[in-house]
Amino acid sequence: MSNQTSQPQTRHEFETQLIIKAWKDESFKQELISNPKAVYARELGQTIPEMPEITVLEESSNALYLVIPKKPVNVVASEELTDEALEAVAGGFKLSWTFSLEF
């Protein structure tokens, strides 16, 4: 599943691919849970820096997880979000391991 396309992939698209692969392959899922950084590096085809920490959790019928992404820098305290801020919240930012990791 390595990202071999020339078109950049969003974080949401990449993570969706990981989830689908984990649902289909139990051994992949176990590796993703136990060693997510190695799996990310392999699937992205690039080295992942020491930071960020990557944690993988599997929901069960008794647990639900909500992840609140890091607030984008350009979000202002108003009721309207910029298009860029909306894209960031919606997972529309490009997956990048340069160290501004805009998660």
PDB file of N, CA and C in Angstrom:
ATOM      1  N   MET A   1       0.801  -1.180   0.000  1.00  0.00           N
ATOM      2  CA  MET A   1       0.000   0.000   0.000  1.00  0.00           C
ATOM      3  C   MET A   1       0.852   1.255   0.000  1.00  0.00           C
ATOM      4  N   SER A   2       2.104   1.146  -0.130  1.00  0.00           N
ATOM      5  CA  SER A   2       2.969   2.310  -0.110  1.00  0.00           C
ATOM      6  C   SER A   2       2.480   3.366  -1.072  1.00  0.00           C
ATOM      7  N   ASN A   3       2.671   4.594  -0.706  1.00  0.00           N
ATOM      8  CA  ASN A   3       2.214   5.712  -1.506  1.00  0.00           C
ATOM      9  C   ASN A   3       3.126   5.886  -2.708  1.00  0.00           C
ATOM     10  N   GLN A   4       2.830   5.190  -3.785  1.00  0.00           N
ATOM     11  CA  GLN A   4       3.655   5.218  -4.972  1.00  0.00           C
ATOM     12  C   GLN A   4       3.154   6.209  -6.003  1.00  0.00           C
ATOM     13  N   THR A   5       2.034   6.850  -5.776  1.00  0.00           N
ATOM     14  CA  THR A   5       1.487   7.785  -6.747  1.00  0.00           C
ATOM     15  C   THR A   5       2.236   9.103  -6.664  1.00  0.00           C
ATOM     16  N   SER A   6       2.219   9.855  -7.774  1.00  0.00           N
ATOM     17  CA  SER A   6       2.895  11.138  -7.774  1.00  0.00           C
ATOM     18  C   SER A   6       2.035  12.217  -7.147  1.00  0.00           C
ATOM     19  N   GLN A   7       0.746  11.957  -6.983  1.00  0.00           N
ATOM     20  CA  GLN A   7      -0.169  12.925  -6.388  1.00  0.00           C
ATOM     21  C   GLN A   7      -0.110  12.822  -4.866  1.00  0.00           C
ATOM     22  N   PRO A   8       0.074  13.962  -4.184  1.00  0.00           N
ATOM     23  CA  PRO A   8       0.109  13.918  -2.719  1.00  0.00           C
ATOM     24  C   PRO A   8      -1.200  13.376  -2.154  1.00  0.00           C
ATOM     25  N   GLN A   9      -1.093  12.736  -1.030  1.00  0.00           N
ATOM     26  CA  GLN A   9      -2.239  12.114  -0.375  1.00  0.00           C
ATOM     27  C   GLN A   9      -2.540  12.898   0.891  1.00  0.00           C
ATOM     28  N   THR A  10      -3.815  13.079   1.203  1.00  0.00           N
ATOM     29  CA  THR A  10      -4.143  13.746   2.456  1.00  0.00           C
ATOM     30  C   THR A  10      -3.949  12.756   3.608  1.00  0.00           C
ATOM     31  N   ARG A  11      -3.847  13.292   4.782  1.00  0.00           N
ATOM     32  CA  ARG A  11      -3.742  12.438   5.969  1.00  0.00           C
ATOM     33  C   ARG A  11      -4.968  11.544   6.077  1.00  0.00           C
ATOM     34  N   HIS A  12      -6.145  12.118   5.835  1.00  0.00           N
ATOM     35  CA  HIS A  12      -7.387  11.346   5.918  1.00  0.00           C
ATOM     36  C   HIS A  12      -7.370  10.175   4.928  1.00  0.00           C
ATOM     37  N   GLU A  13      -6.959  10.409   3.707  1.00  0.00           N
ATOM     38  CA  GLU A  13      -6.905   9.338   2.706  1.00  0.00           C
ATOM     39  C   GLU A  13      -5.917   8.247   3.123  1.00  0.00           C
ATOM     40  N   PHE A  14      -4.755   8.654   3.606  1.00  0.00           N
ATOM     41  CA  PHE A  14      -3.747   7.689   4.036  1.00  0.00           C
ATOM     42  C   PHE A  14      -4.262   6.851   5.204  1.00  0.00           C
ATOM     43  N   GLU A  15      -4.846   7.501   6.197  1.00  0.00           N
ATOM     44  CA  GLU A  15      -5.337   6.772   7.364  1.00  0.00           C
ATOM     45  C   GLU A  15      -6.503   5.864   7.002  1.00  0.00           C
ATOM     46  N   THR A  16      -7.342   6.289   6.066  1.00  0.00           N
ATOM     47  CA  THR A  16      -8.437   5.431   5.604  1.00  0.00           C
ATOM     48  C   THR A  16      -7.881   4.163   4.970  1.00  0.00           C
ATOM     49  N   GLN A  17      -6.825   4.284   4.182  1.00  0.00           N
ATOM     50  CA  GLN A  17      -6.193   3.107   3.580  1.00  0.00           C
ATOM     51  C   GLN A  17      -5.632   2.170   4.649  1.00  0.00           C
ATOM     52  N   LEU A  18      -5.023   2.747   5.683  1.00  0.00           N
ATOM     53  CA  LEU A  18      -4.502   1.914   6.775  1.00  0.00           C
ATOM     54  C   LEU A  18      -5.624   1.162   7.475  1.00  0.00           C
ATOM     55  N   ILE A  19      -6.730   1.843   7.726  1.00  0.00           N
ATOM     56  CA  ILE A  19      -7.870   1.212   8.410  1.00  0.00           C
ATOM     57  C   ILE A  19      -8.424   0.067   7.577  1.00  0.00           C
ATOM     58  N   ILE A  20      -8.614   0.291   6.296  1.00  0.00           N
ATOM     59  CA  ILE A  20      -9.147  -0.756   5.415  1.00  0.00           C
ATOM     60  C   ILE A  20      -8.218  -1.959   5.397  1.00  0.00           C
ATOM     61  N   LYS A  21      -6.918  -1.694   5.301  1.00  0.00           N
ATOM     62  CA  LYS A  21      -5.949  -2.797   5.288  1.00  0.00           C
ATOM     63  C   LYS A  21      -5.975  -3.550   6.633  1.00  0.00           C
ATOM     64  N   ALA A  22      -6.129  -2.819   7.740  1.00  0.00           N
ATOM     65  CA  ALA A  22      -6.187  -3.457   9.065  1.00  0.00           C
ATOM     66  C   ALA A  22      -7.433  -4.314   9.204  1.00  0.00           C
ATOM     67  N   TRP A  23      -8.555  -3.860   8.643  1.00  0.00           N
ATOM     68  CA  TRP A  23      -9.779  -4.658   8.693  1.00  0.00           C
ATOM     69  C   TRP A  23      -9.640  -5.947   7.897  1.00  0.00           C
ATOM     70  N   LYS A  24      -8.874  -5.918   6.827  1.00  0.00           N
ATOM     71  CA  LYS A  24      -8.724  -7.084   5.961  1.00  0.00           C
ATOM     72  C   LYS A  24      -7.638  -8.049   6.434  1.00  0.00           C
ATOM     73  N   ASP A  25      -6.655  -7.536   7.172  1.00  0.00           N
ATOM     74  CA  ASP A  25      -5.474  -8.336   7.510  1.00  0.00           C
ATOM     75  C   ASP A  25      -5.159  -8.201   9.001  1.00  0.00           C
ATOM     76  N   GLU A  26      -5.499  -9.240   9.765  1.00  0.00           N
ATOM     77  CA  GLU A  26      -5.317  -9.220  11.224  1.00  0.00           C
ATOM     78  C   GLU A  26      -3.859  -9.018  11.623  1.00  0.00           C
ATOM     79  N   SER A  27      -2.928  -9.633  10.912  1.00  0.00           N
ATOM     80  CA  SER A  27      -1.513  -9.476  11.281  1.00  0.00           C
ATOM     81  C   SER A  27      -1.043  -8.042  11.015  1.00  0.00           C
ATOM     82  N   PHE A  28      -1.523  -7.426   9.947  1.00  0.00           N
ATOM     83  CA  PHE A  28      -1.202  -6.022   9.687  1.00  0.00           C
ATOM     84  C   PHE A  28      -1.761  -5.151  10.805  1.00  0.00           C
ATOM     85  N   LYS A  29      -2.995  -5.408  11.216  1.00  0.00           N
ATOM     86  CA  LYS A  29      -3.623  -4.637  12.294  1.00  0.00           C
ATOM     87  C   LYS A  29      -2.804  -4.742  13.574  1.00  0.00           C
ATOM     88  N   GLN A  30      -2.376  -5.946  13.928  1.00  0.00           N
ATOM     89  CA  GLN A  30      -1.593  -6.126  15.146  1.00  0.00           C
ATOM     90  C   GLN A  30      -0.261  -5.386  15.067  1.00  0.00           C
ATOM     91  N   GLU A  31       0.373  -5.414  13.894  1.00  0.00           N
ATOM     92  CA  GLU A  31       1.630  -4.686  13.713  1.00  0.00           C
ATOM     93  C   GLU A  31       1.390  -3.172  13.796  1.00  0.00           C
ATOM     94  N   LEU A  32       0.294  -2.706  13.199  1.00  0.00           N
ATOM     95  CA  LEU A  32      -0.038  -1.284  13.237  1.00  0.00           C
ATOM     96  C   LEU A  32      -0.254  -0.821  14.676  1.00  0.00           C
ATOM     97  N   ILE A  33      -0.922  -1.635  15.473  1.00  0.00           N
ATOM     98  CA  ILE A  33      -1.172  -1.291  16.881  1.00  0.00           C
ATOM     99  C   ILE A  33       0.121  -1.332  17.694  1.00  0.00           C
ATOM    100  N   SER A  34       0.942  -2.347  17.467  1.00  0.00           N
ATOM    101  CA  SER A  34       2.136  -2.526  18.297  1.00  0.00           C
ATOM    102  C   SER A  34       3.336  -1.687  17.840  1.00  0.00           C
ATOM    103  N   ASN A  35       3.411  -1.353  16.564  1.00  0.00           N
ATOM    104  CA  ASN A  35       4.560  -0.596  16.068  1.00  0.00           C
ATOM    105  C   ASN A  35       4.122   0.372  14.964  1.00  0.00           C
ATOM    106  N   PRO A  36       3.280   1.346  15.309  1.00  0.00           N
ATOM    107  CA  PRO A  36       2.703   2.216  14.287  1.00  0.00           C
ATOM    108  C   PRO A  36       3.729   3.026  13.498  1.00  0.00           C
ATOM    109  N   LYS A  37       4.783   3.473  14.132  1.00  0.00           N
ATOM    110  CA  LYS A  37       5.764   4.301  13.424  1.00  0.00           C
ATOM    111  C   LYS A  37       6.438   3.522  12.301  1.00  0.00           C
ATOM    112  N   ALA A  38       6.765   2.252  12.559  1.00  0.00           N
ATOM    113  CA  ALA A  38       7.389   1.429  11.519  1.00  0.00           C
ATOM    114  C   ALA A  38       6.423   1.181  10.366  1.00  0.00           C
ATOM    115  N   VAL A  39       5.154   0.961  10.691  1.00  0.00           N
ATOM    116  CA  VAL A  39       4.149   0.728   9.650  1.00  0.00           C
ATOM    117  C   VAL A  39       3.941   1.998   8.827  1.00  0.00           C
ATOM    118  N   TYR A  40       3.823   3.140   9.488  1.00  0.00           N
ATOM    119  CA  TYR A  40       3.680   4.409   8.759  1.00  0.00           C
ATOM    120  C   TYR A  40       4.861   4.611   7.818  1.00  0.00           C
ATOM    121  N   ALA A  41       6.076   4.407   8.328  1.00  0.00           N
ATOM    122  CA  ALA A  41       7.276   4.600   7.504  1.00  0.00           C
ATOM    123  C   ALA A  41       7.251   3.682   6.292  1.00  0.00           C
ATOM    124  N   ARG A  42       6.946   2.427   6.516  1.00  0.00           N
ATOM    125  CA  ARG A  42       6.909   1.460   5.407  1.00  0.00           C
ATOM    126  C   ARG A  42       5.829   1.826   4.392  1.00  0.00           C
ATOM    127  N   GLU A  43       4.637   2.143   4.880  1.00  0.00           N
ATOM    128  CA  GLU A  43       3.525   2.438   3.983  1.00  0.00           C
ATOM    129  C   GLU A  43       3.702   3.757   3.239  1.00  0.00           C
ATOM    130  N   LEU A  44       4.370   4.713   3.865  1.00  0.00           N
ATOM    131  CA  LEU A  44       4.647   5.987   3.202  1.00  0.00           C
ATOM    132  C   LEU A  44       5.869   5.913   2.306  1.00  0.00           C
ATOM    133  N   GLY A  45       6.727   4.907   2.574  1.00  0.00           N
ATOM    134  CA  GLY A  45       7.963   4.788   1.805  1.00  0.00           C
ATOM    135  C   GLY A  45       8.977   5.850   2.172  1.00  0.00           C
ATOM    136  N   GLN A  46       8.962   6.282   3.431  1.00  0.00           N
ATOM    137  CA  GLN A  46       9.923   7.281   3.889  1.00  0.00           C
ATOM    138  C   GLN A  46      10.187   7.121   5.378  1.00  0.00           C
ATOM    139  N   THR A  47      11.271   7.690   5.817  1.00  0.00           N
ATOM    140  CA  THR A  47      11.639   7.644   7.223  1.00  0.00           C
ATOM    141  C   THR A  47      10.777   8.627   8.010  1.00  0.00           C
ATOM    142  N   ILE A  48      10.345   8.198   9.181  1.00  0.00           N
ATOM    143  CA  ILE A  48       9.561   9.046  10.065  1.00  0.00           C
ATOM    144  C   ILE A  48      10.498   9.566  11.153  1.00  0.00           C
ATOM    145  N   PRO A  49      10.508  10.875  11.405  1.00  0.00           N
ATOM    146  CA  PRO A  49      11.384  11.411  12.450  1.00  0.00           C
ATOM    147  C   PRO A  49      11.002  10.876  13.831  1.00  0.00           C
ATOM    148  N   GLU A  50      11.909  11.037  14.776  1.00  0.00           N
ATOM    149  CA  GLU A  50      11.665  10.551  16.137  1.00  0.00           C
ATOM    150  C   GLU A  50      10.336  11.083  16.680  1.00  0.00           C
ATOM    151  N   MET A  51      10.067  12.340  16.451  1.00  0.00           N
ATOM    152  CA  MET A  51       8.775  12.912  16.801  1.00  0.00           C
ATOM    153  C   MET A  51       8.018  13.015  15.500  1.00  0.00           C
ATOM    154  N   PRO A  52       6.795  12.815  15.378  1.00  0.00           N
ATOM    155  CA  PRO A  52       5.771  12.766  16.391  1.00  0.00           C
ATOM    156  C   PRO A  52       5.591  11.360  16.943  1.00  0.00           C
ATOM    157  N   GLU A  53       4.958  11.288  18.072  1.00  0.00           N
ATOM    158  CA  GLU A  53       4.528  10.010  18.624  1.00  0.00           C
ATOM    159  C   GLU A  53       3.283   9.594  17.840  1.00  0.00           C
ATOM    160  N   ILE A  54       3.187   8.330  17.501  1.00  0.00           N
ATOM    161  CA  ILE A  54       2.007   7.829  16.797  1.00  0.00           C
ATOM    162  C   ILE A  54       1.365   6.771  17.682  1.00  0.00           C
ATOM    163  N   THR A  55       0.093   6.935  17.979  1.00  0.00           N
ATOM    164  CA  THR A  55      -0.646   5.992  18.800  1.00  0.00           C
ATOM    165  C   THR A  55      -1.818   5.465  17.994  1.00  0.00           C
ATOM    166  N   VAL A  56      -2.007   4.163  18.014  1.00  0.00           N
ATOM    167  CA  VAL A  56      -3.132   3.543  17.322  1.00  0.00           C
ATOM    168  C   VAL A  56      -4.016   2.878  18.369  1.00  0.00           C
ATOM    169  N   LEU A  57      -5.293   3.206  18.340  1.00  0.00           N
ATOM    170  CA  LEU A  57      -6.269   2.612  19.244  1.00  0.00           C
ATOM    171  C   LEU A  57      -7.348   1.937  18.415  1.00  0.00           C
ATOM    172  N   GLU A  58      -7.817   0.804  18.872  1.00  0.00           N
ATOM    173  CA  GLU A  58      -8.916   0.117  18.203  1.00  0.00           C
ATOM    174  C   GLU A  58     -10.176   0.264  19.038  1.00  0.00           C
ATOM    175  N   GLU A  59     -11.219   0.791  18.429  1.00  0.00           N
ATOM    176  CA  GLU A  59     -12.491   0.911  19.126  1.00  0.00           C
ATOM    177  C   GLU A  59     -13.109  -0.469  19.306  1.00  0.00           C
ATOM    178  N   SER A  60     -13.881  -0.593  20.362  1.00  0.00           N
ATOM    179  CA  SER A  60     -14.635  -1.824  20.593  1.00  0.00           C
ATOM    180  C   SER A  60     -16.109  -1.449  20.701  1.00  0.00           C
ATOM    181  N   SER A  61     -16.932  -2.429  20.934  1.00  0.00           N
ATOM    182  CA  SER A  61     -18.350  -2.127  21.089  1.00  0.00           C
ATOM    183  C   SER A  61     -18.623  -1.343  22.372  1.00  0.00           C
ATOM    184  N   ASN A  62     -17.651  -1.342  23.297  1.00  0.00           N
ATOM    185  CA  ASN A  62     -17.814  -0.642  24.574  1.00  0.00           C
ATOM    186  C   ASN A  62     -17.035   0.657  24.665  1.00  0.00           C
ATOM    187  N   ALA A  63     -16.334   1.042  23.588  1.00  0.00           N
ATOM    188  CA  ALA A  63     -15.505   2.244  23.649  1.00  0.00           C
ATOM    189  C   ALA A  63     -15.597   3.003  22.332  1.00  0.00           C
ATOM    190  N   LEU A  64     -15.641   4.305  22.439  1.00  0.00           N
ATOM    191  CA  LEU A  64     -15.655   5.190  21.284  1.00  0.00           C
ATOM    192  C   LEU A  64     -14.630   6.273  21.547  1.00  0.00           C
ATOM    193  N   TYR A  65     -13.801   6.587  20.555  1.00  0.00           N
ATOM    194  CA  TYR A  65     -12.756   7.589  20.718  1.00  0.00           C
ATOM    195  C   TYR A  65     -13.014   8.758  19.778  1.00  0.00           C
ATOM    196  N   LEU A  66     -12.879   9.952  20.295  1.00  0.00           N
ATOM    197  CA  LEU A  66     -12.956  11.162  19.504  1.00  0.00           C
ATOM    198  C   LEU A  66     -11.598  11.832  19.600  1.00  0.00           C
ATOM    199  N   VAL A  67     -10.968  12.051  18.461  1.00  0.00           N
ATOM    200  CA  VAL A  67      -9.672  12.723  18.436  1.00  0.00           C
ATOM    201  C   VAL A  67      -9.899  14.153  17.963  1.00  0.00           C
ATOM    202  N   ILE A  68      -9.504  15.076  18.780  1.00  0.00           N
ATOM    203  CA  ILE A  68      -9.604  16.485  18.420  1.00  0.00           C
ATOM    204  C   ILE A  68      -8.253  16.889  17.845  1.00  0.00           C
ATOM    205  N   PRO A  69      -8.219  17.204  16.549  1.00  0.00           N
ATOM    206  CA  PRO A  69      -6.935  17.589  15.946  1.00  0.00           C
ATOM    207  C   PRO A  69      -6.390  18.870  16.564  1.00  0.00           C
ATOM    208  N   LYS A  70      -5.095  19.059  16.402  1.00  0.00           N
ATOM    209  CA  LYS A  70      -4.446  20.284  16.846  1.00  0.00           C
ATOM    210  C   LYS A  70      -5.115  21.452  16.143  1.00  0.00           C
ATOM    211  N   LYS A  71      -5.403  22.496  16.891  1.00  0.00           N
ATOM    212  CA  LYS A  71      -6.057  23.682  16.331  1.00  0.00           C
ATOM    213  C   LYS A  71      -5.129  24.329  15.308  1.00  0.00           C
ATOM    214  N   PRO A  72      -5.633  24.563  14.081  1.00  0.00           N
ATOM    215  CA  PRO A  72      -4.795  25.226  13.081  1.00  0.00           C
ATOM    216  C   PRO A  72      -4.394  26.617  13.554  1.00  0.00           C
ATOM    217  N   VAL A  73      -3.215  27.030  13.201  1.00  0.00           N
ATOM    218  CA  VAL A  73      -2.665  28.305  13.640  1.00  0.00           C
ATOM    219  C   VAL A  73      -3.529  29.470  13.180  1.00  0.00           C
ATOM    220  N   ASN A  74      -4.141  29.349  12.006  1.00  0.00           N
ATOM    221  CA  ASN A  74      -4.853  30.482  11.432  1.00  0.00           C
ATOM    222  C   ASN A  74      -6.324  30.557  11.824  1.00  0.00           C
ATOM    223  N   VAL A  75      -6.753  29.781  12.812  1.00  0.00           N
ATOM    224  CA  VAL A  75      -8.150  29.849  13.251  1.00  0.00           C
ATOM    225  C   VAL A  75      -8.312  31.050  14.182  1.00  0.00           C
ATOM    226  N   VAL A  76      -9.253  31.896  13.831  1.00  0.00           N
ATOM    227  CA  VAL A  76      -9.515  33.075  14.653  1.00  0.00           C
ATOM    228  C   VAL A  76     -10.756  32.838  15.500  1.00  0.00           C
ATOM    229  N   ALA A  77     -10.925  33.628  16.512  1.00  0.00           N
ATOM    230  CA  ALA A  77     -12.057  33.449  17.422  1.00  0.00           C
ATOM    231  C   ALA A  77     -13.301  34.108  16.845  1.00  0.00           C
ATOM    232  N   SER A  78     -13.838  33.508  15.817  1.00  0.00           N
ATOM    233  CA  SER A  78     -15.096  33.985  15.247  1.00  0.00           C
ATOM    234  C   SER A  78     -15.911  32.770  14.856  1.00  0.00           C
ATOM    235  N   GLU A  79     -17.128  32.979  14.466  1.00  0.00           N
ATOM    236  CA  GLU A  79     -17.974  31.858  14.093  1.00  0.00           C
ATOM    237  C   GLU A  79     -17.634  31.316  12.716  1.00  0.00           C
ATOM    238  N   GLU A  80     -16.947  32.087  11.889  1.00  0.00           N
ATOM    239  CA  GLU A  80     -16.600  31.668  10.534  1.00  0.00           C
ATOM    240  C   GLU A  80     -15.162  31.179  10.505  1.00  0.00           C
ATOM    241  N   LEU A  81     -14.942  30.024   9.881  1.00  0.00           N
ATOM    242  CA  LEU A  81     -13.595  29.524   9.676  1.00  0.00           C
ATOM    243  C   LEU A  81     -13.176  29.828   8.246  1.00  0.00           C
ATOM    244  N   THR A  82     -11.885  30.056   8.055  1.00  0.00           N
ATOM    245  CA  THR A  82     -11.386  30.253   6.702  1.00  0.00           C
ATOM    246  C   THR A  82     -11.467  28.926   5.958  1.00  0.00           C
ATOM    247  N   ASP A  83     -11.414  28.978   4.627  1.00  0.00           N
ATOM    248  CA  ASP A  83     -11.413  27.746   3.832  1.00  0.00           C
ATOM    249  C   ASP A  83     -10.238  26.856   4.221  1.00  0.00           C
ATOM    250  N   GLU A  84      -9.079  27.467   4.465  1.00  0.00           N
ATOM    251  CA  GLU A  84      -7.886  26.701   4.843  1.00  0.00           C
ATOM    252  C   GLU A  84      -8.094  25.997   6.188  1.00  0.00           C
ATOM    253  N   ALA A  85      -8.703  26.694   7.139  1.00  0.00           N
ATOM    254  CA  ALA A  85      -8.960  26.099   8.451  1.00  0.00           C
ATOM    255  C   ALA A  85      -9.963  24.965   8.336  1.00  0.00           C
ATOM    256  N   LEU A  86     -10.997  25.151   7.514  1.00  0.00           N
ATOM    257  CA  LEU A  86     -11.978  24.084   7.314  1.00  0.00           C
ATOM    258  C   LEU A  86     -11.337  22.858   6.692  1.00  0.00           C
ATOM    259  N   GLU A  87     -10.445  23.056   5.719  1.00  0.00           N
ATOM    260  CA  GLU A  87      -9.754  21.926   5.093  1.00  0.00           C
ATOM    261  C   GLU A  87      -8.907  21.186   6.115  1.00  0.00           C
ATOM    262  N   ALA A  88      -8.236  21.919   6.991  1.00  0.00           N
ATOM    263  CA  ALA A  88      -7.401  21.285   8.011  1.00  0.00           C
ATOM    264  C   ALA A  88      -8.238  20.446   8.961  1.00  0.00           C
ATOM    265  N   VAL A  89      -9.365  20.989   9.381  1.00  0.00           N
ATOM    266  CA  VAL A  89     -10.250  20.260  10.289  1.00  0.00           C
ATOM    267  C   VAL A  89     -10.830  19.034   9.606  1.00  0.00           C
ATOM    268  N   ALA A  90     -11.112  19.132   8.316  1.00  0.00           N
ATOM    269  CA  ALA A  90     -11.729  18.044   7.569  1.00  0.00           C
ATOM    270  C   ALA A  90     -10.708  17.031   7.080  1.00  0.00           C
ATOM    271  N   GLY A  91      -9.455  17.195   7.423  1.00  0.00           N
ATOM    272  CA  GLY A  91      -8.439  16.239   6.974  1.00  0.00           C
ATOM    273  C   GLY A  91      -7.925  16.550   5.589  1.00  0.00           C
ATOM    274  N   GLY A  92      -8.087  17.766   5.117  1.00  0.00           N
ATOM    275  CA  GLY A  92      -7.680  18.111   3.767  1.00  0.00           C
ATOM    276  C   GLY A  92      -6.248  18.563   3.646  1.00  0.00           C
ATOM    277  N   PHE A  93      -5.478  18.469   4.699  1.00  0.00           N
ATOM    278  CA  PHE A  93      -4.087  18.885   4.600  1.00  0.00           C
ATOM    279  C   PHE A  93      -3.250  17.728   4.103  1.00  0.00           C
ATOM    280  N   LYS A  94      -2.140  18.034   3.472  1.00  0.00           N
ATOM    281  CA  LYS A  94      -1.289  17.011   2.872  1.00  0.00           C
ATOM    282  C   LYS A  94      -0.442  16.350   3.945  1.00  0.00           C
ATOM    283  N   LEU A  95      -0.254  15.057   3.781  1.00  0.00           N
ATOM    284  CA  LEU A  95       0.552  14.292   4.710  1.00  0.00           C
ATOM    285  C   LEU A  95       2.005  14.680   4.502  1.00  0.00           C
ATOM    286  N   SER A  96       2.644  15.156   5.537  1.00  0.00           N
ATOM    287  CA  SER A  96       4.006  15.639   5.409  1.00  0.00           C
ATOM    288  C   SER A  96       4.760  15.360   6.696  1.00  0.00           C
ATOM    289  N   TRP A  97       5.988  14.914   6.544  1.00  0.00           N
ATOM    290  CA  TRP A  97       6.784  14.650   7.734  1.00  0.00           C
ATOM    291  C   TRP A  97       7.881  15.686   7.908  1.00  0.00           C
ATOM    292  N   THR A  98       7.748  16.825   7.260  1.00  0.00           N
ATOM    293  CA  THR A  98       8.641  17.915   7.574  1.00  0.00           C
ATOM    294  C   THR A  98       8.182  18.469   8.907  1.00  0.00           C
ATOM    295  N   PHE A  99       9.042  19.042   9.654  1.00  0.00           N
ATOM    296  CA  PHE A  99       8.628  19.289  11.017  1.00  0.00           C
ATOM    297  C   PHE A  99       7.852  20.548  11.269  1.00  0.00           C
ATOM    298  N   SER A 100       6.707  20.589  10.678  1.00  0.00           N
ATOM    299  CA  SER A 100       5.669  21.479  11.151  1.00  0.00           C
ATOM    300  C   SER A 100       4.423  20.639  11.275  1.00  0.00           C
ATOM    301  N   LEU A 101       4.540  19.367  11.025  1.00  0.00           N
ATOM    302  CA  LEU A 101       3.468  18.380  11.118  1.00  0.00           C
ATOM    303  C   LEU A 101       2.126  19.007  11.436  1.00  0.00           C
ATOM    304  N   GLU A 102       1.464  19.432  10.431  1.00  0.00           N
ATOM    305  CA  GLU A 102       0.206  20.150  10.620  1.00  0.00           C
ATOM    306  C   GLU A 102      -0.936  19.188  10.765  1.00  0.00           C
ATOM    307  N   PHE A 103      -0.943  18.475  11.855  1.00  0.00           N
ATOM    308  CA  PHE A 103      -2.012  17.513  12.122  1.00  0.00           C
ATOM    309  C   PHE A 103      -3.178  18.244  12.614  1.00  0.00           C
TER     310      PHE A 103
END
